[in-house]
Amino acid sequence: MLEIHNLSKIYGEGDNKVKALDNVSFSIEQGEFVLIVGSSGSGKSTLLNMIGLLDHPTSGKIFIDGTDTTTLLDDKISSFRNKKLGFIFQFSNLLTDLTVLENVLLPRQIAGTNGSAEKDARELLKAVGLENQMNKRANKISGGQAQRVAIARGLVNKPSIVLADEPTGNLDSVTSATIVELMKSMAKKLNHTFIIVTHDRQHFADVDRVITITDGRASEGDQPSEMEVLA
């Protein structure tokens, strides 16, 4: 599903050079629910941007469904991203002038695959508990509901991988717990691969795997925090 080989990312030049990722390698199988954790500035968001084809690595390879994405030309990247990847962000980024249903339909309209789009969108909104909110304007629903819409939107193109960047970062603890359980249930039900960047490890409890990024390097499993080490 996802293979990363010797991935590095360097920003700047000379004395201003910063190595955001340093020779990162790992693979993720279909259907896994994986957390990428690390402190602020560790490189975890840079890694997510590389996987999401939002930025180019300095060196290394990223394979998604067997395709070496680092060789894709610019005019192919957008279509590949829209077909293979779904995105959920910290802020739902809904278009407030559109209805809930219209927001979920946007990725399908961009992809030009409108065949069963409305049926699929309605089924996803029902699955996330918003079947009675479909025709409301996006600015008329709560923050938790908006994030549910964002999850449905991220899944509507039936992506191989769903990438979530701090999806609970803008929510209270109770709503966060609900969103986490929703993502886990959707991953299990639809057999989608979820890769979630978060600094709120405690909100996610049991997951399939945890990859910790420290100073641009990746390691498997939860690592002790700085406070735990000092203790």
Protein backbone atom coordinates (compact mmCIF):
# COMPACT_ATOMS: atom_id res chain seq x y z
CA MET A 1 0.00 0.00 0.00
CA LEU A 2 2.65 2.53 1.08
CA GLU A 3 6.42 2.04 0.95
CA ILE A 4 8.90 4.74 1.95
CA HIS A 5 12.57 4.23 1.21
CA ASN A 6 15.39 6.41 2.58
CA LEU A 7 13.30 9.58 2.50
CA SER A 8 15.04 12.87 3.29
CA LYS A 9 13.93 16.47 3.07
CA ILE A 10 16.26 19.45 3.38
CA TYR A 11 15.11 23.06 3.47
CA GLY A 12 17.40 25.99 2.84
CA GLU A 13 21.06 26.08 1.86
CA GLY A 14 24.45 26.55 3.46
CA ASP A 15 24.33 27.75 7.07
CA ASN A 16 20.53 27.95 6.85
CA LYS A 17 20.13 24.30 5.85
CA VAL A 18 17.64 22.31 7.95
CA LYS A 19 17.16 18.56 7.59
CA ALA A 20 13.43 18.06 8.28
CA LEU A 21 13.50 14.34 7.42
CA ASP A 22 16.58 12.15 7.72
CA ASN A 23 16.67 8.82 5.84
CA VAL A 24 13.16 7.67 6.83
CA SER A 25 12.02 4.18 5.77
CA PHE A 26 8.88 2.18 6.62
CA SER A 27 5.89 0.51 4.97
CA ILE A 28 2.17 0.46 5.76
CA GLU A 29 -0.30 -2.24 4.72
CA GLN A 30 -3.84 -1.82 3.46
CA GLY A 31 -6.39 -1.29 6.20
CA GLU A 32 -3.91 -0.26 8.90
CA PHE A 33 -4.77 2.59 11.26
CA VAL A 34 -1.41 4.24 11.89
CA LEU A 35 -0.36 7.21 14.01
CA ILE A 36 2.63 9.39 13.27
CA VAL A 37 3.57 11.17 16.47
CA GLY A 38 6.29 13.54 17.56
CA SER A 39 6.89 16.90 19.16
CA SER A 40 6.42 20.19 17.35
CA GLY A 41 9.12 20.59 14.71
CA SER A 42 10.06 16.89 14.71
CA GLY A 43 9.24 16.47 11.01
CA LYS A 44 5.93 14.62 11.24
CA SER A 45 3.93 17.17 9.22
CA THR A 46 6.72 17.32 6.63
CA LEU A 47 6.45 13.54 6.31
CA LEU A 48 2.68 13.76 5.82
CA ASN A 49 3.18 16.41 3.13
CA MET A 50 5.60 14.09 1.32
CA ILE A 51 3.17 11.17 1.43
CA GLY A 52 0.35 13.48 0.32
CA LEU A 53 2.40 14.71 -2.67
CA LEU A 54 2.11 18.27 -1.41
CA ASP A 55 5.88 18.67 -1.36
CA HIS A 56 8.85 16.96 -3.05
CA PRO A 57 11.48 14.99 -1.11
CA THR A 58 15.12 15.93 -1.46
CA SER A 59 15.97 12.24 -1.86
CA GLY A 60 14.35 8.85 -1.42
CA LYS A 61 11.29 7.10 -2.81
CA ILE A 62 7.57 6.96 -1.97
CA PHE A 63 5.54 4.12 -3.48
CA ILE A 64 1.73 4.21 -3.31
CA ASP A 65 -0.06 1.16 -4.70
CA GLY A 66 3.18 0.26 -6.48
CA THR A 67 3.63 3.65 -8.18
CA ASP A 68 6.83 5.56 -7.53
CA THR A 69 5.24 8.94 -6.84
CA THR A 70 8.60 10.74 -6.83
CA THR A 71 8.82 10.22 -10.60
CA LEU A 72 5.39 11.66 -11.39
CA LEU A 73 5.42 14.78 -13.52
CA ASP A 74 3.66 17.86 -12.16
CA ASP A 75 0.71 17.48 -14.53
CA LYS A 76 0.10 13.93 -13.22
CA ILE A 77 0.48 14.58 -9.51
CA SER A 78 -2.90 16.29 -8.98
CA SER A 79 -4.91 13.54 -10.67
CA PHE A 80 -2.99 10.81 -8.83
CA ARG A 81 -3.47 12.60 -5.51
CA ASN A 82 -7.19 13.08 -6.09
CA LYS A 83 -7.65 9.43 -7.05
CA LYS A 84 -5.48 7.73 -4.45
CA LEU A 85 -5.46 10.03 -1.43
CA GLY A 86 -8.08 11.49 0.88
CA PHE A 87 -7.33 14.37 3.26
CA ILE A 88 -8.70 15.39 6.66
CA PHE A 89 -7.23 18.52 8.24
CA GLN A 90 -7.26 20.14 11.67
CA PHE A 91 -9.79 22.66 10.37
CA SER A 92 -12.61 21.22 8.29
CA ASN A 93 -12.11 23.84 5.55
CA LEU A 94 -15.68 23.52 4.36
CA LEU A 95 -17.04 26.01 1.82
CA THR A 96 -19.61 27.86 3.88
CA ASP A 97 -21.80 28.85 0.94
CA LEU A 98 -22.33 25.20 0.03
CA THR A 99 -24.49 22.62 1.74
CA VAL A 100 -23.06 19.69 3.67
CA LEU A 101 -23.83 17.37 0.75
CA GLU A 102 -22.29 19.74 -1.81
CA ASN A 103 -19.07 19.93 0.24
CA VAL A 104 -18.75 16.15 0.29
CA LEU A 105 -19.34 15.99 -3.47
CA LEU A 106 -16.52 18.42 -4.32
CA PRO A 107 -13.68 15.86 -4.69
CA ARG A 108 -15.81 13.77 -7.05
CA GLN A 109 -16.64 16.83 -9.14
CA ILE A 110 -12.95 17.75 -9.32
CA ALA A 111 -12.11 14.19 -10.38
CA GLY A 112 -14.87 14.22 -12.98
CA THR A 113 -16.34 10.95 -11.70
CA ASN A 114 -19.90 12.00 -10.98
CA GLY A 115 -21.61 8.70 -11.85
CA SER A 116 -22.77 7.49 -8.43
CA ALA A 117 -21.32 10.47 -6.59
CA GLU A 118 -24.46 11.70 -4.87
CA LYS A 119 -25.47 8.19 -3.79
CA ASP A 120 -21.98 7.59 -2.37
CA ALA A 121 -21.92 10.98 -0.63
CA ARG A 122 -25.33 10.41 0.95
CA GLU A 123 -24.28 6.97 2.19
CA LEU A 124 -21.12 8.39 3.75
CA LEU A 125 -23.02 11.21 5.45
CA LYS A 126 -25.45 8.66 6.81
CA ALA A 127 -22.52 6.57 8.07
CA VAL A 128 -21.06 9.56 9.96
CA GLY A 129 -24.44 10.38 11.49
CA LEU A 130 -25.36 13.41 9.41
CA GLU A 131 -28.22 12.09 7.31
CA ASN A 132 -30.48 14.84 8.69
CA GLN A 133 -27.95 17.63 8.04
CA MET A 134 -27.24 17.11 4.33
CA ASN A 135 -29.07 20.16 3.06
CA LYS A 136 -27.85 22.58 5.73
CA ARG A 137 -25.32 25.23 4.82
CA ALA A 138 -21.87 24.39 6.14
CA ASN A 139 -21.86 27.51 8.33
CA LYS A 140 -24.96 26.27 10.18
CA ILE A 141 -23.45 23.15 11.75
CA SER A 142 -21.22 22.64 14.79
CA GLY A 143 -17.45 22.14 14.75
CA GLY A 144 -17.80 18.44 15.50
CA GLN A 145 -20.36 18.04 12.73
CA ALA A 146 -18.09 19.94 10.33
CA GLN A 147 -15.26 17.51 11.06
CA ARG A 148 -17.62 14.60 10.35
CA VAL A 149 -18.37 16.22 6.99
CA ALA A 150 -14.62 16.49 6.40
CA ILE A 151 -14.23 12.76 7.07
CA ALA A 152 -16.99 11.94 4.58
CA ARG A 153 -15.39 14.28 2.03
CA GLY A 154 -12.02 12.59 2.54
CA LEU A 155 -13.56 9.19 1.81
CA VAL A 156 -15.88 10.02 -1.09
CA ASN A 157 -13.31 9.25 -3.79
CA LYS A 158 -12.66 5.84 -2.21
CA PRO A 159 -8.96 6.62 -1.73
CA SER A 160 -6.26 4.06 -1.07
CA ILE A 161 -4.95 6.13 1.83
CA VAL A 162 -6.61 8.71 4.07
CA LEU A 163 -4.19 11.28 5.51
CA ALA A 164 -5.29 13.22 8.59
CA ASP A 165 -3.28 16.14 9.97
CA GLU A 166 -4.18 16.87 13.62
CA PRO A 167 -7.87 16.02 12.96
CA THR A 168 -8.82 16.56 16.62
CA GLY A 169 -6.61 19.60 17.21
CA ASN A 170 -9.48 22.09 16.97
CA LEU A 171 -12.01 20.11 19.02
CA ASP A 172 -12.84 19.69 22.71
CA SER A 173 -11.96 16.39 24.40
CA VAL A 174 -15.46 14.90 24.22
CA THR A 175 -15.90 15.73 20.53
CA SER A 176 -12.34 14.54 19.85
CA ALA A 177 -13.12 11.14 21.32
CA THR A 178 -16.21 10.87 19.12
CA ILE A 179 -14.25 11.80 15.99
CA VAL A 180 -11.48 9.31 16.78
CA GLU A 181 -13.95 6.46 17.23
CA LEU A 182 -15.70 7.49 14.02
CA MET A 183 -12.46 7.36 12.04
CA LYS A 184 -11.58 3.98 13.51
CA SER A 185 -14.99 2.54 12.68
CA MET A 186 -14.86 3.91 9.13
CA ALA A 187 -11.38 2.47 8.64
CA LYS A 188 -12.57 -0.95 9.78
CA LYS A 189 -15.82 -0.84 7.84
CA LEU A 190 -14.31 0.35 4.54
CA ASN A 191 -10.83 -1.23 4.90
CA HIS A 192 -9.17 2.11 4.18
CA THR A 193 -5.65 2.86 5.34
CA PHE A 194 -5.59 5.80 7.78
CA ILE A 195 -2.36 7.68 8.52
CA ILE A 196 -2.84 10.28 11.22
CA VAL A 197 -0.36 12.91 12.36
CA THR A 198 -1.04 14.01 15.91
CA HIS A 199 0.63 15.31 19.05
CA ASP A 200 -2.40 14.16 21.10
CA ARG A 201 -1.40 10.51 21.41
CA GLN A 202 -3.71 9.89 24.37
CA HIS A 203 -6.83 10.62 22.32
CA PHE A 204 -6.26 7.64 20.04
CA ALA A 205 -5.64 4.80 22.54
CA ASP A 206 -5.24 1.46 20.73
CA VAL A 207 -4.18 1.68 17.08
CA ASP A 208 -2.53 -0.76 14.70
CA ARG A 209 0.85 0.96 14.74
CA VAL A 210 2.65 4.05 15.98
CA ILE A 211 5.57 5.66 14.15
CA THR A 212 7.45 8.24 16.19
CA ILE A 213 9.40 11.02 14.46
CA THR A 214 12.29 12.51 16.43
CA ASP A 215 14.57 15.11 14.85
CA GLY A 216 13.56 13.91 11.40
CA ARG A 217 14.18 10.22 12.07
CA ALA A 218 11.50 7.53 12.31
CA SER A 219 11.19 4.71 14.83
CA GLU A 220 8.47 2.15 15.45
CA GLY A 221 6.30 2.37 18.54
CA ASP A 222 5.63 4.94 21.24
CA GLN A 223 8.75 6.59 22.56
CA PRO A 224 9.04 8.08 26.09
CA SER A 225 8.35 11.77 26.28
CA GLU A 226 10.97 14.24 27.50
CA MET A 227 9.18 14.51 30.84
CA GLU A 228 9.12 10.70 31.24
CA VAL A 229 12.85 10.53 30.52
CA LEU A 230 13.59 13.22 33.12
CA ALA A 231 11.45 11.39 35.67
